[in-house]
Protein backbone atom coordinates (compact mmCIF):
# COMPACT_ATOMS: atom_id res chain seq x y z
CA MET A 1 -58.62 94.84 71.75
CA MET A 2 -58.52 95.02 68.03
CA SER A 3 -58.35 91.69 66.15
CA LEU A 4 -56.19 90.86 63.27
CA LEU A 5 -55.38 88.02 60.84
CA THR A 6 -51.74 87.76 60.07
CA ALA A 7 -50.10 85.68 57.23
CA LEU A 8 -46.56 85.18 56.13
CA ARG A 9 -46.28 84.87 52.36
CA LEU A 10 -43.28 82.90 51.18
CA ASN A 11 -43.46 82.84 47.37
CA MET A 12 -39.59 82.68 47.37
CA THR A 13 -39.07 85.23 44.64
CA ASN A 14 -35.38 86.23 44.28
CA ILE A 15 -33.32 88.50 42.16
CA ALA A 16 -34.25 88.18 38.32
CA ASP A 17 -31.31 85.79 37.58
CA PRO A 18 -31.96 82.09 36.86
CA ALA A 19 -28.49 81.20 38.09
CA ALA A 20 -29.11 82.95 41.52
CA ARG A 21 -28.42 80.93 44.67
CA HIS A 22 -31.51 80.17 46.78
CA ALA A 23 -30.43 77.78 49.60
CA ARG A 24 -29.98 80.49 52.37
CA ARG A 25 -33.33 82.12 51.39
CA TYR A 26 -35.15 78.78 51.82
CA GLN A 27 -33.55 78.13 55.11
CA ALA A 28 -34.48 81.60 56.16
CA ALA A 29 -38.07 81.00 54.97
CA LEU A 30 -38.33 77.89 57.29
CA GLU A 31 -36.97 79.87 60.24
CA MET A 32 -39.42 82.74 59.54
CA ALA A 33 -42.20 80.37 59.49
CA GLU A 34 -41.33 78.84 62.72
CA TYR A 35 -40.93 82.36 64.27
CA ALA A 36 -44.38 83.32 62.94
CA ASP A 37 -45.90 80.08 64.35
CA GLN A 38 -44.46 80.80 67.85
CA ARG A 39 -45.92 84.25 67.80
CA GLY A 40 -49.48 83.42 66.83
CA PHE A 41 -49.70 84.14 63.17
CA THR A 42 -52.84 82.96 61.41
CA ALA A 43 -51.33 81.47 58.21
CA VAL A 44 -48.23 80.87 56.16
CA SER A 45 -48.91 80.97 52.54
CA GLY A 46 -47.24 80.48 49.09
CA GLU A 47 -48.22 80.01 45.47
CA GLU A 48 -47.07 78.06 42.40
CA HIS A 49 -45.23 79.32 39.33
CA HIS A 50 -42.73 77.74 36.96
CA LEU A 51 -39.78 78.70 34.84
CA ALA A 52 -39.40 82.03 36.56
CA ALA A 53 -36.18 84.12 36.36
CA THR A 54 -36.82 85.07 39.98
CA GLY A 55 -37.15 81.40 41.10
CA TRP A 56 -40.75 81.98 42.00
CA LEU A 57 -41.85 78.95 44.00
CA PRO A 58 -42.30 75.93 41.59
CA SER A 59 -42.77 73.17 44.39
CA PRO A 60 -45.16 74.58 46.90
CA LEU A 61 -46.10 71.11 48.27
CA ILE A 62 -42.59 70.47 49.21
CA LEU A 63 -42.14 73.75 50.95
CA ALA A 64 -45.53 73.34 52.71
CA ALA A 65 -44.37 69.95 54.02
CA ALA A 66 -41.14 71.45 55.37
CA ILE A 67 -43.15 74.19 57.09
CA ALA A 68 -45.40 71.68 58.54
CA GLY A 69 -42.39 69.98 60.22
CA ARG A 70 -41.14 73.24 61.68
CA THR A 71 -44.61 74.49 63.03
CA ARG A 72 -47.49 73.37 65.30
CA ARG A 73 -50.41 75.75 65.15
CA VAL A 74 -50.33 78.12 62.08
CA ARG A 75 -52.45 77.26 59.00
CA ILE A 76 -50.45 76.39 55.93
CA SER A 77 -52.06 77.57 52.55
CA ILE A 78 -51.02 77.36 48.94
CA ASN A 79 -52.45 80.07 46.80
CA ALA A 80 -52.62 78.87 44.14
CA LEU A 81 -51.83 75.27 43.32
CA ILE A 82 -52.03 74.81 39.49
CA VAL A 83 -53.75 71.41 39.63
CA PRO A 84 -54.10 70.80 35.94
CA LEU A 85 -50.31 70.50 35.72
CA TYR A 86 -50.19 67.41 38.04
CA ASP A 87 -51.12 63.67 37.70
CA PRO A 88 -54.21 63.77 39.68
CA VAL A 89 -53.77 60.43 41.63
CA ARG A 90 -50.14 61.48 42.66
CA LEU A 91 -51.43 64.83 43.66
CA ALA A 92 -54.16 63.27 45.78
CA GLU A 93 -51.46 61.11 47.50
CA ASP A 94 -49.10 64.04 48.04
CA ILE A 95 -51.81 66.31 49.52
CA ALA A 96 -53.10 63.40 51.75
CA VAL A 97 -49.59 62.86 53.20
CA LEU A 98 -49.04 66.61 53.74
CA ASP A 99 -52.41 66.95 55.46
CA ASN A 100 -51.34 64.22 57.79
CA LEU A 101 -48.04 65.74 58.45
CA ALA A 102 -49.78 69.05 59.16
CA GLU A 103 -52.54 67.35 61.32
CA GLY A 104 -55.24 69.23 59.22
CA ARG A 105 -53.69 72.59 59.06
CA PHE A 106 -53.30 72.54 55.29
CA SER A 107 -55.60 74.17 52.64
CA PHE A 108 -55.18 75.12 49.09
CA VAL A 109 -56.74 77.25 46.26
CA ALA A 110 -57.03 75.19 43.06
CA GLY A 111 -56.16 77.34 40.23
CA MET A 112 -55.64 76.88 36.46
CA GLY A 113 -52.68 79.28 35.95
CA TYR A 114 -52.36 81.68 33.19
CA ARG A 115 -49.08 80.82 31.31
CA PRO A 116 -49.01 78.50 28.35
CA GLU A 117 -45.23 78.00 29.06
CA GLU A 118 -46.09 76.25 32.19
CA TYR A 119 -48.47 73.80 30.58
CA HIS A 120 -45.77 73.15 27.79
CA ALA A 121 -43.04 72.39 30.48
CA ALA A 122 -45.51 69.92 32.18
CA GLY A 123 -46.55 68.22 28.95
CA LYS A 124 -50.13 69.41 29.23
CA ASP A 125 -52.39 70.93 26.59
CA TRP A 126 -53.07 74.66 27.37
CA SER A 127 -56.16 74.51 25.17
CA GLN A 128 -57.63 71.83 27.39
CA ARG A 129 -56.89 73.51 30.74
CA GLY A 130 -60.63 73.66 31.72
CA SER A 131 -61.31 70.04 31.20
CA LEU A 132 -58.02 69.11 32.86
CA MET A 133 -59.04 71.27 35.83
CA ASP A 134 -62.45 69.42 36.12
CA HIS A 135 -60.79 66.02 35.77
CA CYS A 136 -58.24 66.76 38.47
CA LEU A 137 -60.88 68.14 41.05
CA SER A 138 -63.09 65.16 40.42
CA VAL A 139 -60.19 62.64 40.95
CA LEU A 140 -58.98 64.32 44.10
CA LEU A 141 -62.40 64.35 45.70
CA ASN A 142 -62.97 60.81 44.77
CA ALA A 143 -59.53 59.67 45.78
CA TRP A 144 -59.88 61.20 49.40
CA SER A 145 -63.28 59.27 50.06
CA ASP A 146 -63.38 56.10 52.01
CA GLN A 147 -64.38 54.00 48.90
CA PRO A 148 -62.62 52.76 45.75
CA PHE A 149 -63.41 54.56 42.59
CA GLU A 150 -63.09 53.92 38.94
CA TYR A 151 -60.04 55.45 37.38
CA GLY A 152 -58.94 54.50 33.77
CA GLY A 153 -61.21 51.56 33.68
CA ARG A 154 -60.17 50.05 36.96
CA LEU A 155 -61.12 50.43 40.64
CA ILE A 156 -58.44 52.11 42.71
CA ASN A 157 -58.28 53.09 46.43
CA VAL A 158 -55.86 55.84 47.14
CA THR A 159 -54.08 55.67 50.60
CA PRO A 160 -53.44 57.16 53.09
CA LYS A 161 -56.57 59.17 53.52
CA PRO A 162 -56.19 62.72 54.64
CA HIS A 163 -56.29 63.67 58.26
CA THR A 164 -59.08 66.23 57.48
CA ARG A 165 -62.30 64.52 56.90
CA PRO A 166 -63.82 64.41 54.34
CA HIS A 167 -60.83 66.14 52.77
CA PRO A 168 -58.58 69.16 53.18
CA VAL A 169 -60.07 72.66 52.67
CA VAL A 170 -60.07 73.13 48.81
CA PHE A 171 -60.89 76.55 47.46
CA VAL A 172 -61.53 77.03 43.75
CA GLY A 173 -59.80 80.14 42.66
CA GLY A 174 -60.29 82.49 39.71
CA MET A 175 -61.85 85.77 38.42
CA THR A 176 -64.26 84.49 35.86
CA VAL A 177 -67.84 83.23 35.53
CA ALA A 178 -66.41 79.84 34.63
CA ALA A 179 -64.42 79.64 37.82
CA ALA A 180 -67.45 80.53 39.98
CA ARG A 181 -69.59 78.00 38.19
CA ARG A 182 -67.01 75.32 38.73
CA ALA A 183 -66.62 75.99 42.39
CA ALA A 184 -70.48 75.71 42.74
CA ARG A 185 -70.64 72.59 40.54
CA PHE A 186 -68.12 70.78 42.86
CA GLY A 187 -69.69 72.23 46.06
CA LEU A 188 -66.25 73.81 46.97
CA PRO A 189 -65.60 77.31 48.44
CA PHE A 190 -64.78 79.98 45.92
CA SER A 191 -61.78 82.27 46.30
CA PRO A 192 -61.43 85.16 43.93
CA PRO A 193 -58.37 87.11 44.51
CA MET A 194 -60.28 90.40 45.31
CA ALA A 195 -63.94 91.45 46.00
CA MET A 196 -65.83 90.71 42.77
CA PRO A 197 -69.51 91.24 43.64
CA GLU A 198 -70.96 90.03 40.23
CA VAL A 199 -68.93 86.88 40.00
CA GLU A 200 -69.63 86.23 43.72
CA ALA A 201 -73.40 86.60 43.20
CA LEU A 202 -73.26 84.07 40.28
CA TYR A 203 -71.43 81.54 42.54
CA GLU A 204 -74.16 81.90 45.24
CA GLN A 205 -76.88 81.53 42.53
CA GLU A 206 -75.30 78.46 41.14
CA LEU A 207 -75.01 76.94 44.58
CA ARG A 208 -78.59 77.23 45.14
CA ARG A 209 -79.37 75.88 41.67
CA GLN A 210 -77.09 72.88 42.33
CA GLY A 211 -78.44 72.30 45.80
CA LYS A 212 -75.04 72.58 47.40
CA SER A 213 -73.52 74.67 50.10
CA GLY A 214 -70.33 76.72 50.14
CA PHE A 215 -68.84 80.13 50.89
CA ILE A 216 -66.67 82.78 49.51
CA TYR A 217 -63.35 84.05 50.71
CA HIS A 218 -61.37 86.91 49.33
CA PRO A 219 -58.53 88.86 50.93
CA GLU A 220 -59.60 92.01 52.59
CA ASN A 221 -56.91 94.13 50.56
CA GLY A 222 -56.73 92.11 47.41
CA SER A 223 -53.23 90.99 46.96
CA THR A 224 -51.57 93.77 48.92
CA VAL A 225 -48.33 92.82 50.72
CA THR A 226 -47.07 94.95 53.67
CA LEU A 227 -43.57 95.43 54.73
CA LEU A 228 -42.62 97.63 57.86
CA HIS A 229 -39.75 100.15 58.13
CA ALA A 230 -38.98 103.10 60.51
CA ASP A 231 -38.64 105.34 57.24
CA PRO A 232 -40.78 104.11 54.35
CA ASP A 233 -39.17 106.73 51.94
CA GLU A 234 -35.75 105.48 52.79
CA ALA A 235 -36.89 101.79 52.45
CA TRP A 236 -38.33 102.47 49.03
CA SER A 237 -35.12 104.17 47.86
CA ARG A 238 -32.95 101.30 49.10
CA TYR A 239 -35.11 98.28 48.67
CA GLY A 240 -37.65 99.14 45.97
CA LYS A 241 -35.59 97.48 43.32
CA PHE A 242 -36.26 94.16 44.97
CA VAL A 243 -40.02 94.72 45.01
CA MET A 244 -39.71 95.57 41.34
CA ASN A 245 -37.97 92.21 40.66
CA GLU A 246 -41.23 90.43 41.46
CA ALA A 247 -43.51 93.02 39.93
CA ALA A 248 -41.80 93.21 36.68
CA GLU A 249 -41.76 89.61 36.16
CA TYR A 250 -45.33 89.25 36.94
CA SER A 251 -46.20 91.95 34.55
CA ALA A 252 -44.34 90.24 31.75
CA TRP A 253 -46.57 87.19 32.13
CA LYS A 254 -49.67 88.90 30.93
CA VAL A 255 -51.67 86.86 28.51
CA THR A 256 -54.29 88.54 26.30
CA GLY A 257 -57.80 87.47 27.28
CA VAL A 258 -56.79 85.74 30.57
CA PRO A 259 -57.65 87.88 33.60
CA ARG A 260 -55.34 88.20 36.52
CA PRO A 261 -55.19 90.33 39.77
CA ASN A 262 -52.86 93.37 39.77
CA GLU A 263 -52.76 93.74 36.09
CA THR A 264 -51.76 97.33 36.03
CA PRO A 265 -47.90 97.34 35.24
CA ALA A 266 -45.48 99.25 37.11
CA ASN A 267 -42.71 100.92 35.06
CA SER A 268 -40.97 102.59 38.06
CA ILE A 269 -40.61 102.31 41.85
CA ASP A 270 -42.88 105.51 42.04
CA ASP A 271 -45.60 103.50 40.09
CA LEU A 272 -45.22 100.70 42.45
CA ARG A 273 -45.72 102.97 45.52
CA ARG A 274 -48.91 104.44 43.79
CA LEU A 275 -50.28 101.01 42.97
CA LYS A 276 -50.03 99.88 46.56
CA ASN A 277 -49.78 96.19 45.60
CA VAL A 278 -46.80 96.41 47.99
CA GLU A 279 -46.84 99.01 50.78
CA ILE A 280 -44.12 99.96 53.16
CA LEU A 281 -45.40 101.33 56.39
CA THR A 282 -44.18 102.47 59.78
CA PRO A 283 -45.49 100.27 62.69
CA GLY A 284 -47.42 103.48 63.84
CA GLN A 285 -49.18 103.80 60.31
CA LEU A 286 -50.16 100.10 60.32
CA LEU A 287 -51.59 100.52 63.86
CA ASP A 288 -53.56 103.45 62.77
CA GLN A 289 -55.09 101.46 59.93
CA ILE A 290 -55.98 98.60 62.28
CA ARG A 291 -57.66 100.96 64.62
CA CYS A 292 -59.66 102.21 61.54
CA GLY A 293 -60.78 98.72 60.76
CA ARG A 294 -58.22 96.88 58.89
CA ARG A 295 -58.31 93.26 59.80
CA GLU A 296 -55.61 91.44 57.70
CA VAL A 297 -51.86 91.90 57.19
CA VAL A 298 -49.86 89.82 54.75
CA MET A 299 -46.09 90.12 54.97
CA ASN A 300 -43.59 88.85 52.26
CA PRO A 301 -40.26 89.37 54.02
CA LEU A 302 -38.20 87.76 51.21
CA ILE A 303 -39.83 89.53 48.21
CA GLY A 304 -37.80 89.76 44.97
CA GLY A 305 -34.44 89.06 46.70
CA LEU A 306 -34.92 91.45 49.60
CA PRO A 307 -31.89 90.90 51.75
CA ILE A 308 -32.62 88.35 54.60
CA ASP A 309 -31.64 90.66 57.33
CA VAL A 310 -33.94 93.30 56.11
CA GLY A 311 -36.85 90.88 55.88
CA TRP A 312 -36.21 89.79 59.51
CA ALA A 313 -36.16 93.48 60.52
CA SER A 314 -39.62 93.94 58.88
CA LEU A 315 -40.95 90.89 60.61
CA HIS A 316 -39.64 91.92 63.99
CA LEU A 317 -41.29 95.37 63.73
CA LEU A 318 -44.58 93.52 63.09
CA THR A 319 -44.18 91.14 65.99
CA GLU A 320 -42.70 93.56 68.48
CA ASP A 321 -44.20 96.99 67.66
CA VAL A 322 -47.64 95.95 66.19
CA LEU A 323 -48.94 92.68 67.45
CA PRO A 324 -48.68 93.35 71.23
CA HIS A 325 -51.39 95.88 70.63
CA VAL A 326 -53.83 93.63 68.83
CA ARG A 327 -55.56 90.25 69.38
CA LEU A 328 -54.50 87.74 66.85
CA GLN A 329 -57.07 85.53 65.12
CA SER A 330 -56.32 81.87 64.84
CA LEU A 331 -58.18 79.38 62.61
CA GLN A 332 -59.02 75.80 63.33
CA PRO A 333 -59.08 73.27 60.69
CA ALA A 334 -62.34 71.61 59.80
CA THR A 335 -61.76 67.95 60.81
CA THR A 336 -65.13 66.39 61.29
CA SER A 337 -67.98 68.16 59.27
CA SER A 338 -68.89 67.11 55.81
CA GLU A 339 -67.97 70.61 54.50
CA PRO A 340 -65.45 73.30 55.66
CA ASP A 341 -67.36 75.34 58.18
CA ALA A 342 -67.40 79.12 58.62
CA ARG A 343 -64.29 79.23 60.64
CA ASP A 344 -62.32 78.44 57.58
CA SER A 345 -63.93 81.13 55.47
CA LYS A 346 -61.33 83.60 56.62
CA ASP A 347 -58.38 81.59 55.82
CA VAL A 348 -55.54 83.74 54.34
CA SER A 349 -54.65 81.94 51.07
């Protein structure tokens, strides 16, 4: 039987209205996460953004904790957590508590972000984002160790310690040489948003030079999100505007000289379909792709304000018409080894 990794992406984008209501959608997200957990999904993921007209998830740790309370088996991943925006000691505490709540099912991609506005809102210096990133990663890893460490001229000992030892699975995200070198320097796995052979080769080279071990994970299909519908043409006609809400806002955040995935802007729904960052397929089309070797499916059933009932219908098509024909891959958290093991290298972040 064919094997498949399945992820539910809950980035909580809504219609592009800062005054829009969100409570029903957050409740639906928790219900969908619980449903996915009961049906053997591999992961539930989200990512962090701030000041978004669509309400793009600004508090991923809170949502992840709520999901941990509603699920028992599924991996919970944040892609990406913008760590330079946080007080590093408080972040270490929050993640440790979350990892205990999730009993080791939590992982995250440490990212720097690419919007000066977010740094301004958090009172952080955009021009110092690299050094802020290094400082935060260093504090996190020290805080999760069993020994006190020096912080601001004093010894402190952050408690509680995470459930996962020596620490939760932390990927360093990015698309640049600097990101690859940072991941290798800290001895952490590297997670570019797509296959990037030259940058990945540099990471491996730097690991060897540093005498450290690690691994690389990137999504099979980049950042492609899949929705299912009996008639994709009809679905694009009726619901393409919701997909466009998210795509248009993301495109508006482009910063010169700061690389991001999915940089090609979409000016119309037809452009969206051609770019295939979001695809709408029939269950049969998806099964055909799986038979031809596809191994990952990421579904965002609440994308851009998509009506909740439509999102549920897409999710039901996946679980009822596709998943019975495949073998789902589950991931076990690394809880005892000194480094995340190969089982976690396929975590859908």
